[in-house]
Amino acid sequence: MGVRIERVGAGAALVLFSAALVACGASTNASHSTTTESPASSTTAAVASAPCDSSAIDAGVSKYTRYTSIDSYGCSGDFAYAFVTVPASTPSGGISETVLLMASQDSWQPVNRATYCANGSVPAAIYHSACETS
């Protein structure tokens, strides 16, 4: 019986390796994505070390702009977005704005939406909310 060796992608190699471990009686422990609920939205939780919670998002947004409220937010991978209301000098109240954040160690940093949305860095799970809103 000969051994057949083929070049496979990283995902297929992981599946084959995991199957081999299970066949040998070993257990596998793959990491899983979770879903985080924010005040008005839900997306995949951040894989980065920056937590996807209201206080972490608040800290990141406050580095970018003065705002009256965070209306909703979401995170995926190393990116997060927040829909914020910024003060306005009109009687109708504030103006809605979308802020894009990128994980930097254990915190969120505001980044340029035009740059990161255009270069494909923003994950598909949050792309519409982060890049196609005002």
N, C-alpha and C. Protein backbone atom coordinates (compact mmCIF):
# COMPACT_ATOMS: atom_id res chain seq x y z
N MET A 1 0.84 -1.17 0.00
CA MET A 1 0.00 0.00 0.00
C MET A 1 0.89 1.23 0.00
N GLY A 2 0.73 2.08 -1.01
CA GLY A 2 1.52 3.29 -1.13
C GLY A 2 0.89 4.45 -0.38
N VAL A 3 1.68 5.45 -0.09
CA VAL A 3 1.19 6.66 0.57
C VAL A 3 1.08 7.73 -0.48
N ARG A 4 -0.05 8.36 -0.55
CA ARG A 4 -0.27 9.43 -1.53
C ARG A 4 -0.15 10.77 -0.82
N ILE A 5 0.69 11.62 -1.31
CA ILE A 5 0.90 12.94 -0.72
C ILE A 5 0.42 13.98 -1.71
N GLU A 6 -0.44 14.86 -1.24
CA GLU A 6 -0.96 15.95 -2.07
C GLU A 6 -0.81 17.26 -1.32
N ARG A 7 -0.65 18.31 -2.06
CA ARG A 7 -0.61 19.65 -1.47
C ARG A 7 -2.04 20.11 -1.28
N VAL A 8 -2.40 20.53 -0.06
CA VAL A 8 -3.74 21.01 0.24
C VAL A 8 -3.64 22.37 0.91
N GLY A 9 -4.75 23.10 0.89
CA GLY A 9 -4.80 24.40 1.55
C GLY A 9 -4.76 24.24 3.06
N ALA A 10 -4.54 25.33 3.76
CA ALA A 10 -4.44 25.31 5.22
C ALA A 10 -5.71 24.79 5.88
N GLY A 11 -6.87 25.19 5.37
CA GLY A 11 -8.14 24.73 5.95
C GLY A 11 -8.33 23.25 5.79
N ALA A 12 -8.02 22.72 4.59
CA ALA A 12 -8.14 21.28 4.36
C ALA A 12 -7.13 20.52 5.20
N ALA A 13 -5.94 21.06 5.35
CA ALA A 13 -4.92 20.40 6.16
C ALA A 13 -5.37 20.31 7.61
N LEU A 14 -5.98 21.36 8.13
CA LEU A 14 -6.47 21.36 9.50
C LEU A 14 -7.56 20.31 9.68
N VAL A 15 -8.47 20.22 8.72
CA VAL A 15 -9.54 19.21 8.78
C VAL A 15 -8.94 17.81 8.77
N LEU A 16 -7.99 17.59 7.87
CA LEU A 16 -7.36 16.27 7.79
C LEU A 16 -6.59 15.94 9.07
N PHE A 17 -5.86 16.92 9.60
CA PHE A 17 -5.10 16.72 10.82
C PHE A 17 -6.03 16.43 11.98
N SER A 18 -7.14 17.21 12.08
CA SER A 18 -8.12 17.00 13.14
C SER A 18 -8.75 15.61 13.04
N ALA A 19 -9.09 15.20 11.82
CA ALA A 19 -9.67 13.87 11.61
C ALA A 19 -8.68 12.79 12.03
N ALA A 20 -7.41 12.99 11.75
CA ALA A 20 -6.39 12.02 12.14
C ALA A 20 -6.27 11.95 13.65
N LEU A 21 -6.34 13.08 14.34
CA LEU A 21 -6.28 13.09 15.80
C LEU A 21 -7.47 12.35 16.40
N VAL A 22 -8.66 12.62 15.87
CA VAL A 22 -9.86 11.97 16.37
C VAL A 22 -9.76 10.46 16.15
N ALA A 23 -9.27 10.05 14.98
CA ALA A 23 -9.12 8.62 14.67
C ALA A 23 -8.15 7.96 15.63
N CYS A 24 -7.17 8.72 16.12
CA CYS A 24 -6.19 8.18 17.06
C CYS A 24 -6.67 8.27 18.51
N GLY A 25 -7.86 8.85 18.72
CA GLY A 25 -8.40 8.94 20.08
C GLY A 25 -8.13 10.27 20.75
N ALA A 26 -7.48 11.20 20.08
CA ALA A 26 -7.23 12.51 20.66
C ALA A 26 -8.46 13.39 20.47
N SER A 27 -8.58 14.43 21.27
CA SER A 27 -9.70 15.35 21.09
C SER A 27 -9.18 16.63 20.49
N THR A 28 -10.05 17.32 19.79
CA THR A 28 -9.68 18.61 19.22
C THR A 28 -10.44 19.69 19.94
N ASN A 29 -9.86 20.86 20.00
CA ASN A 29 -10.49 21.99 20.66
C ASN A 29 -10.29 23.21 19.77
N ALA A 30 -11.13 23.39 18.77
CA ALA A 30 -11.02 24.52 17.85
C ALA A 30 -11.67 25.74 18.49
N SER A 31 -11.13 26.92 18.17
CA SER A 31 -11.75 28.14 18.68
C SER A 31 -13.02 28.42 17.89
N HIS A 32 -13.97 29.06 18.54
CA HIS A 32 -15.26 29.34 17.92
C HIS A 32 -15.55 30.83 17.97
N SER A 33 -16.26 31.31 16.97
CA SER A 33 -16.72 32.68 16.98
C SER A 33 -17.98 32.75 17.84
N THR A 34 -18.19 33.88 18.44
CA THR A 34 -19.41 34.09 19.22
C THR A 34 -20.15 35.27 18.66
N THR A 35 -21.39 35.42 19.05
CA THR A 35 -22.18 36.55 18.62
C THR A 35 -22.43 37.45 19.81
N THR A 36 -22.20 38.73 19.64
CA THR A 36 -22.39 39.69 20.71
C THR A 36 -23.55 40.61 20.37
N GLU A 37 -24.45 40.80 21.30
CA GLU A 37 -25.58 41.71 21.11
C GLU A 37 -25.18 43.09 21.60
N SER A 38 -25.41 44.10 20.79
CA SER A 38 -25.21 45.48 21.21
C SER A 38 -26.58 46.11 21.35
N PRO A 39 -26.67 47.37 21.76
CA PRO A 39 -27.98 47.96 21.99
C PRO A 39 -28.97 47.78 20.85
N ALA A 40 -28.53 47.89 19.58
CA ALA A 40 -29.49 47.77 18.48
C ALA A 40 -29.00 46.90 17.34
N SER A 41 -27.93 46.13 17.56
CA SER A 41 -27.43 45.29 16.48
C SER A 41 -26.73 44.08 17.05
N SER A 42 -26.47 43.11 16.19
CA SER A 42 -25.67 41.97 16.62
C SER A 42 -24.73 41.59 15.49
N THR A 43 -23.50 41.28 15.85
CA THR A 43 -22.50 40.85 14.89
C THR A 43 -21.56 39.88 15.57
N THR A 44 -20.61 39.39 14.84
CA THR A 44 -19.63 38.46 15.41
C THR A 44 -18.71 39.22 16.35
N ALA A 45 -18.41 38.64 17.47
CA ALA A 45 -17.54 39.26 18.46
C ALA A 45 -16.12 39.37 17.92
N ALA A 46 -15.38 40.31 18.45
CA ALA A 46 -14.02 40.56 17.99
C ALA A 46 -13.10 39.39 18.34
N VAL A 47 -12.27 39.01 17.38
CA VAL A 47 -11.28 37.98 17.59
C VAL A 47 -10.06 38.62 18.24
N ALA A 48 -9.86 39.89 17.99
CA ALA A 48 -8.73 40.61 18.54
C ALA A 48 -8.88 40.70 20.06
N SER A 49 -7.86 41.20 20.73
CA SER A 49 -7.92 41.29 22.17
C SER A 49 -8.77 42.45 22.67
N ALA A 50 -9.14 43.38 21.79
CA ALA A 50 -10.02 44.48 22.21
C ALA A 50 -11.42 43.93 22.43
N PRO A 51 -12.00 44.15 23.61
CA PRO A 51 -13.33 43.60 23.88
C PRO A 51 -14.42 44.32 23.09
N CYS A 52 -15.43 43.58 22.70
CA CYS A 52 -16.56 44.15 21.98
C CYS A 52 -17.68 44.42 22.98
N ASP A 53 -17.49 45.47 23.77
CA ASP A 53 -18.52 45.86 24.73
C ASP A 53 -18.64 47.38 24.74
N SER A 54 -19.71 47.87 25.34
CA SER A 54 -20.02 49.30 25.25
C SER A 54 -18.92 50.19 25.84
N SER A 55 -18.27 49.78 26.92
CA SER A 55 -17.25 50.65 27.50
C SER A 55 -16.00 50.71 26.61
N ALA A 56 -15.63 49.60 25.99
CA ALA A 56 -14.46 49.61 25.09
C ALA A 56 -14.75 50.42 23.83
N ILE A 57 -15.95 50.27 23.29
CA ILE A 57 -16.34 51.04 22.10
C ILE A 57 -16.40 52.52 22.46
N ASP A 58 -16.97 52.85 23.61
CA ASP A 58 -17.04 54.24 24.09
C ASP A 58 -15.64 54.86 24.17
N ALA A 59 -14.70 54.12 24.72
CA ALA A 59 -13.33 54.63 24.84
C ALA A 59 -12.71 54.90 23.47
N GLY A 60 -12.98 54.04 22.50
CA GLY A 60 -12.44 54.24 21.16
C GLY A 60 -13.08 55.41 20.45
N VAL A 61 -14.40 55.50 20.53
CA VAL A 61 -15.13 56.59 19.85
C VAL A 61 -14.74 57.94 20.44
N SER A 62 -14.57 58.01 21.75
CA SER A 62 -14.25 59.29 22.38
C SER A 62 -12.88 59.82 21.97
N LYS A 63 -12.02 58.96 21.41
CA LYS A 63 -10.73 59.42 20.87
C LYS A 63 -10.93 60.13 19.53
N TYR A 64 -12.08 59.89 18.91
CA TYR A 64 -12.36 60.42 17.57
C TYR A 64 -13.20 61.69 17.59
N THR A 65 -14.27 61.69 18.36
CA THR A 65 -15.21 62.80 18.31
C THR A 65 -15.93 62.97 19.64
N ARG A 66 -16.49 64.15 19.82
CA ARG A 66 -17.38 64.40 20.95
C ARG A 66 -18.76 63.96 20.50
N TYR A 67 -19.45 63.19 21.28
CA TYR A 67 -20.75 62.66 20.88
C TYR A 67 -21.71 62.66 22.06
N THR A 68 -23.00 62.58 21.73
CA THR A 68 -24.01 62.56 22.78
C THR A 68 -24.47 61.14 23.11
N SER A 69 -24.39 60.23 22.13
CA SER A 69 -24.78 58.84 22.40
C SER A 69 -24.19 57.89 21.37
N ILE A 70 -24.00 56.64 21.81
CA ILE A 70 -23.69 55.55 20.89
C ILE A 70 -25.01 54.81 20.71
N ASP A 71 -25.53 54.85 19.49
CA ASP A 71 -26.84 54.27 19.23
C ASP A 71 -26.77 52.76 19.02
N SER A 72 -25.71 52.26 18.40
CA SER A 72 -25.46 50.83 18.26
C SER A 72 -24.03 50.64 17.80
N TYR A 73 -23.56 49.41 17.90
CA TYR A 73 -22.20 49.09 17.48
C TYR A 73 -22.12 47.61 17.16
N GLY A 74 -21.04 47.23 16.52
CA GLY A 74 -20.80 45.82 16.20
C GLY A 74 -19.32 45.61 15.97
N CYS A 75 -18.89 44.36 16.11
CA CYS A 75 -17.48 44.02 15.97
C CYS A 75 -17.33 42.73 15.18
N SER A 76 -16.25 42.66 14.42
CA SER A 76 -15.89 41.43 13.73
C SER A 76 -14.39 41.46 13.47
N GLY A 77 -13.71 40.43 13.92
CA GLY A 77 -12.26 40.39 13.74
C GLY A 77 -11.60 41.56 14.43
N ASP A 78 -10.72 42.24 13.71
CA ASP A 78 -9.99 43.37 14.27
C ASP A 78 -10.70 44.70 14.07
N PHE A 79 -11.96 44.68 13.63
CA PHE A 79 -12.69 45.92 13.34
C PHE A 79 -13.99 46.00 14.12
N ALA A 80 -14.39 47.24 14.36
CA ALA A 80 -15.68 47.53 14.99
C ALA A 80 -16.21 48.82 14.37
N TYR A 81 -17.51 49.01 14.48
CA TYR A 81 -18.11 50.27 14.05
C TYR A 81 -19.05 50.72 15.16
N ALA A 82 -19.34 51.99 15.17
CA ALA A 82 -20.31 52.54 16.11
C ALA A 82 -21.14 53.58 15.38
N PHE A 83 -22.46 53.51 15.56
CA PHE A 83 -23.35 54.56 15.10
C PHE A 83 -23.50 55.52 16.27
N VAL A 84 -23.03 56.75 16.08
CA VAL A 84 -23.06 57.73 17.16
C VAL A 84 -23.87 58.94 16.75
N THR A 85 -24.36 59.65 17.74
CA THR A 85 -25.02 60.93 17.52
C THR A 85 -24.09 62.01 18.03
N VAL A 86 -23.73 62.93 17.14
CA VAL A 86 -22.86 64.04 17.52
C VAL A 86 -23.70 65.29 17.69
N PRO A 87 -23.29 66.19 18.58
CA PRO A 87 -24.07 67.40 18.81
C PRO A 87 -24.20 68.25 17.55
N ALA A 88 -25.32 68.91 17.42
CA ALA A 88 -25.55 69.82 16.30
C ALA A 88 -26.19 71.09 16.85
N SER A 89 -26.01 72.16 16.12
CA SER A 89 -26.56 73.45 16.57
C SER A 89 -27.97 73.68 16.02
N THR A 90 -28.65 72.60 15.67
CA THR A 90 -30.01 72.72 15.16
C THR A 90 -31.00 72.29 16.24
N PRO A 91 -32.23 72.79 16.18
CA PRO A 91 -33.23 72.43 17.18
C PRO A 91 -33.61 70.95 17.13
N SER A 92 -33.38 70.30 16.00
CA SER A 92 -33.80 68.90 15.87
C SER A 92 -32.87 67.93 16.60
N GLY A 93 -31.76 68.40 17.14
CA GLY A 93 -30.87 67.52 17.89
C GLY A 93 -29.58 67.25 17.16
N GLY A 94 -29.03 66.05 17.35
CA GLY A 94 -27.73 65.71 16.82
C GLY A 94 -27.76 65.15 15.42
N ILE A 95 -26.58 64.86 14.92
CA ILE A 95 -26.37 64.29 13.59
C ILE A 95 -25.78 62.90 13.77
N SER A 96 -26.29 61.93 13.00
CA SER A 96 -25.77 60.57 13.07
C SER A 96 -24.46 60.46 12.29
N GLU A 97 -23.54 59.69 12.83
CA GLU A 97 -22.26 59.47 12.18
C GLU A 97 -21.81 58.04 12.45
N THR A 98 -21.11 57.44 11.50
CA THR A 98 -20.55 56.11 11.68
C THR A 98 -19.05 56.23 11.92
N VAL A 99 -18.57 55.60 12.98
CA VAL A 99 -17.15 55.62 13.32
C VAL A 99 -16.60 54.21 13.13
N LEU A 100 -15.49 54.09 12.41
CA LEU A 100 -14.82 52.80 12.22
C LEU A 100 -13.64 52.72 13.19
N LEU A 101 -13.53 51.59 13.86
CA LEU A 101 -12.48 51.37 14.84
C LEU A 101 -11.69 50.12 14.48
N MET A 102 -10.40 50.11 14.83
CA MET A 102 -9.57 48.94 14.61
C MET A 102 -8.90 48.57 15.94
N ALA A 103 -8.83 47.27 16.22
CA ALA A 103 -8.23 46.81 17.47
C ALA A 103 -6.74 47.12 17.49
N SER A 104 -6.29 47.60 18.63
CA SER A 104 -4.88 47.83 18.87
C SER A 104 -4.59 47.32 20.27
N GLN A 105 -4.05 46.13 20.35
CA GLN A 105 -3.85 45.41 21.60
C GLN A 105 -5.19 45.24 22.31
N ASP A 106 -5.41 45.88 23.45
CA ASP A 106 -6.64 45.67 24.20
C ASP A 106 -7.63 46.82 24.10
N SER A 107 -7.47 47.68 23.08
CA SER A 107 -8.39 48.81 22.94
C SER A 107 -8.71 49.06 21.47
N TRP A 108 -9.69 49.90 21.24
CA TRP A 108 -10.12 50.27 19.88
C TRP A 108 -9.58 51.64 19.54
N GLN A 109 -9.07 51.77 18.32
CA GLN A 109 -8.55 53.05 17.82
C GLN A 109 -9.37 53.48 16.61
N PRO A 110 -9.77 54.75 16.53
CA PRO A 110 -10.49 55.22 15.34
C PRO A 110 -9.56 55.19 14.13
N VAL A 111 -10.11 54.75 12.97
CA VAL A 111 -9.33 54.71 11.74
C VAL A 111 -10.15 55.31 10.60
N ASN A 112 -9.48 55.60 9.51
CA ASN A 112 -10.10 56.22 8.34
C ASN A 112 -10.98 55.22 7.60
N ARG A 113 -12.28 55.49 7.55
CA ARG A 113 -13.21 54.59 6.86
C ARG A 113 -12.88 54.46 5.38
N ALA A 114 -12.55 55.56 4.74
CA ALA A 114 -12.27 55.52 3.30
C ALA A 114 -11.12 54.57 2.99
N THR A 115 -10.10 54.57 3.80
CA THR A 115 -8.94 53.71 3.59
C THR A 115 -9.28 52.24 3.80
N TYR A 116 -9.82 51.91 4.97
CA TYR A 116 -10.02 50.51 5.33
C TYR A 116 -11.22 49.87 4.64
N CYS A 117 -12.22 50.64 4.31
CA CYS A 117 -13.36 50.09 3.57
C CYS A 117 -12.96 49.81 2.12
N ALA A 118 -12.17 50.70 1.54
CA ALA A 118 -11.77 50.56 0.14
C ALA A 118 -10.75 49.44 -0.07
N ASN A 119 -9.89 49.19 0.92
CA ASN A 119 -8.83 48.19 0.70
C ASN A 119 -9.24 46.77 1.10
N GLY A 120 -10.50 46.57 1.48
CA GLY A 120 -10.98 45.23 1.78
C GLY A 120 -10.65 44.70 3.15
N SER A 121 -10.20 45.56 4.05
CA SER A 121 -9.83 45.11 5.40
C SER A 121 -11.03 44.84 6.30
N VAL A 122 -12.12 45.56 6.10
CA VAL A 122 -13.28 45.44 6.99
C VAL A 122 -14.00 44.12 6.69
N PRO A 123 -14.21 43.29 7.71
CA PRO A 123 -14.86 41.99 7.49
C PRO A 123 -16.27 42.11 6.93
N ALA A 124 -16.66 41.14 6.14
CA ALA A 124 -17.98 41.13 5.50
C ALA A 124 -19.10 41.18 6.52
N ALA A 125 -18.90 40.62 7.70
CA ALA A 125 -19.95 40.57 8.72
C ALA A 125 -20.42 41.96 9.16
N ILE A 126 -19.53 42.95 9.07
CA ILE A 126 -19.91 44.31 9.49
C ILE A 126 -19.73 45.33 8.36
N TYR A 127 -19.34 44.89 7.17
CA TYR A 127 -19.00 45.82 6.10
C TYR A 127 -20.13 46.80 5.80
N HIS A 128 -21.35 46.33 5.63
CA HIS A 128 -22.45 47.23 5.28
C HIS A 128 -22.60 48.33 6.33
N SER A 129 -22.71 47.94 7.59
CA SER A 129 -22.90 48.92 8.66
C SER A 129 -21.71 49.84 8.81
N ALA A 130 -20.51 49.31 8.70
CA ALA A 130 -19.30 50.10 8.91
C ALA A 130 -18.93 50.99 7.74
N CYS A 131 -19.26 50.55 6.51
CA CYS A 131 -18.74 51.24 5.34
C CYS A 131 -19.79 51.86 4.44
N GLU A 132 -21.03 51.43 4.52
CA GLU A 132 -22.04 51.92 3.59
C GLU A 132 -23.13 52.73 4.28
N THR A 133 -22.80 53.31 5.41
CA THR A 133 -23.74 54.17 6.13
C THR A 133 -23.06 55.50 6.41
N SER A 134 -23.87 56.49 6.76
CA SER A 134 -23.27 57.82 7.00
C SER A 134 -22.84 58.00 8.43
